[in-house]
Amino acid sequence: MNIYLQLLLVTAIVVYIVGLSGWTETWLGWLSKFTQRHGYGPVRSLRPFSCAACCTWWTCLLWAFLQGELTLPVVAASAGFAFLSITVEKVLIFLREWTLWLLDKIGPRWK
């Protein structure tokens, strides 16, 4: 599979996990409870894990390195995918809402 397509898929997966699933908020909640229990303040952000763009950047670079494709064009593509992570998140939200709308439209016919 083409490395650029792989990076696009990695971007979609990271954006879903970091931006849409709520995993990072849950994880930061647990970490804040732990730090407050030990006398420290709450943790508000833990970059690069709480930022979709940062996490996309580092995950794409790591993926390219593990695939043996870490070249300057791939690094530039990783930066572009990290920049487009907000757009990818909006596309994923649109697809979810469209799918729910479609299921709502065809759902009553199945009753």
Protein backbone atom coordinates (compact mmCIF):
# COMPACT_ATOMS: atom_id res chain seq x y z
CA MET A 1 0.00 0.00 0.00
CA ASN A 2 1.21 3.50 -0.78
CA ILE A 3 2.83 5.29 2.19
CA TYR A 4 0.68 8.40 1.65
CA LEU A 5 -2.52 6.37 1.82
CA GLN A 6 -1.21 4.69 4.96
CA LEU A 7 -0.52 8.09 6.51
CA LEU A 8 -4.04 9.25 5.63
CA LEU A 9 -5.49 6.17 7.33
CA VAL A 10 -3.25 6.72 10.36
CA THR A 11 -4.53 10.30 10.48
CA ALA A 12 -8.16 9.17 10.43
CA ILE A 13 -7.52 6.62 13.19
CA VAL A 14 -5.65 9.09 15.39
CA VAL A 15 -8.28 11.81 14.89
CA TYR A 16 -11.02 9.37 15.85
CA ILE A 17 -9.21 8.17 18.98
CA VAL A 18 -7.98 11.56 20.16
CA GLY A 19 -10.73 13.87 18.95
CA LEU A 20 -13.97 11.92 18.75
CA SER A 21 -13.93 8.90 21.04
CA GLY A 22 -13.44 10.74 24.33
CA TRP A 23 -10.50 8.54 25.26
CA THR A 24 -8.19 11.44 26.04
CA GLU A 25 -10.74 13.17 28.29
CA THR A 26 -11.26 9.94 30.23
CA TRP A 27 -7.53 9.35 30.52
CA LEU A 28 -6.87 12.94 31.65
CA GLY A 29 -9.67 12.60 34.21
CA TRP A 30 -8.04 9.52 35.70
CA LEU A 31 -4.64 11.23 35.71
CA SER A 32 -6.08 14.36 37.36
CA LYS A 33 -7.70 12.29 40.11
CA PHE A 34 -4.39 10.52 40.70
CA THR A 35 -2.37 13.75 40.88
CA GLN A 36 -4.91 15.49 43.13
CA ARG A 37 -4.91 12.50 45.47
CA HIS A 38 -1.14 12.93 45.85
CA GLY A 39 -1.29 16.69 46.53
CA TYR A 40 -0.75 18.10 43.02
CA GLY A 41 -3.08 20.13 40.85
CA PRO A 42 -5.30 18.77 38.10
CA VAL A 43 -3.81 17.90 34.73
CA ARG A 44 -5.44 20.02 32.03
CA SER A 45 -3.51 18.91 28.96
CA LEU A 46 -0.88 16.36 28.14
CA ARG A 47 0.47 17.14 24.72
CA PRO A 48 1.00 15.40 22.32
CA PHE A 49 -1.64 12.96 23.58
CA SER A 50 -4.49 15.43 24.01
CA CYS A 51 -4.02 17.25 20.70
CA ALA A 52 -5.12 15.58 17.47
CA ALA A 53 -2.68 17.56 15.34
CA CYS A 54 0.31 16.83 17.59
CA CYS A 55 -0.57 13.18 17.95
CA THR A 56 -1.08 12.86 14.19
CA TRP A 57 2.31 14.44 13.50
CA TRP A 58 4.23 12.13 15.82
CA THR A 59 2.27 9.00 14.92
CA CYS A 60 2.77 9.59 11.18
CA LEU A 61 6.49 10.13 11.69
CA LEU A 62 6.75 6.98 13.79
CA TRP A 63 4.76 4.99 11.22
CA ALA A 64 6.95 6.22 8.35
CA PHE A 65 10.08 5.38 10.34
CA LEU A 66 8.84 1.88 11.10
CA GLN A 67 7.97 1.36 7.42
CA GLY A 68 11.44 2.53 6.35
CA GLU A 69 9.95 5.42 4.36
CA LEU A 70 11.16 8.39 6.40
CA THR A 71 12.10 10.81 3.61
CA LEU A 72 11.64 14.56 3.25
CA PRO A 73 8.45 14.27 1.11
CA VAL A 74 6.95 11.88 3.66
CA VAL A 75 7.82 14.26 6.51
CA ALA A 76 6.14 17.08 4.55
CA ALA A 77 3.09 14.88 3.98
CA SER A 78 3.00 14.11 7.71
CA ALA A 79 3.00 17.83 8.44
CA GLY A 80 0.20 18.32 5.92
CA PHE A 81 -1.90 15.54 7.44
CA ALA A 82 -1.34 16.99 10.91
CA PHE A 83 -2.44 20.38 9.59
CA LEU A 84 -5.55 18.79 8.06
CA SER A 85 -6.49 16.86 11.21
CA ILE A 86 -9.27 19.37 12.02
CA THR A 87 -10.71 18.90 8.53
CA VAL A 88 -10.50 15.12 8.86
CA GLU A 89 -12.36 15.37 12.18
CA LYS A 90 -15.15 17.40 10.54
CA VAL A 91 -15.40 14.88 7.69
CA LEU A 92 -15.70 12.02 10.19
CA ILE A 93 -18.43 13.90 12.09
CA PHE A 94 -20.26 14.55 8.81
CA LEU A 95 -20.07 10.86 7.88
CA ARG A 96 -21.42 9.85 11.27
CA GLU A 97 -24.31 12.33 11.07
CA TRP A 98 -25.10 11.36 7.47
CA THR A 99 -25.14 7.68 8.37
CA LEU A 100 -27.49 8.34 11.29
CA TRP A 101 -29.74 10.42 9.04
CA LEU A 102 -29.76 7.68 6.41
CA LEU A 103 -30.58 4.99 8.97
CA ASP A 104 -33.36 7.17 10.34
CA LYS A 105 -34.83 7.55 6.85
CA ILE A 106 -34.77 3.85 5.99
CA GLY A 107 -35.42 2.61 9.53
CA PRO A 108 -39.23 3.04 9.60
CA ARG A 109 -39.56 0.87 6.48
CA TRP A 110 -38.16 -2.10 8.37
CA LYS A 111 -40.86 -2.06 11.07
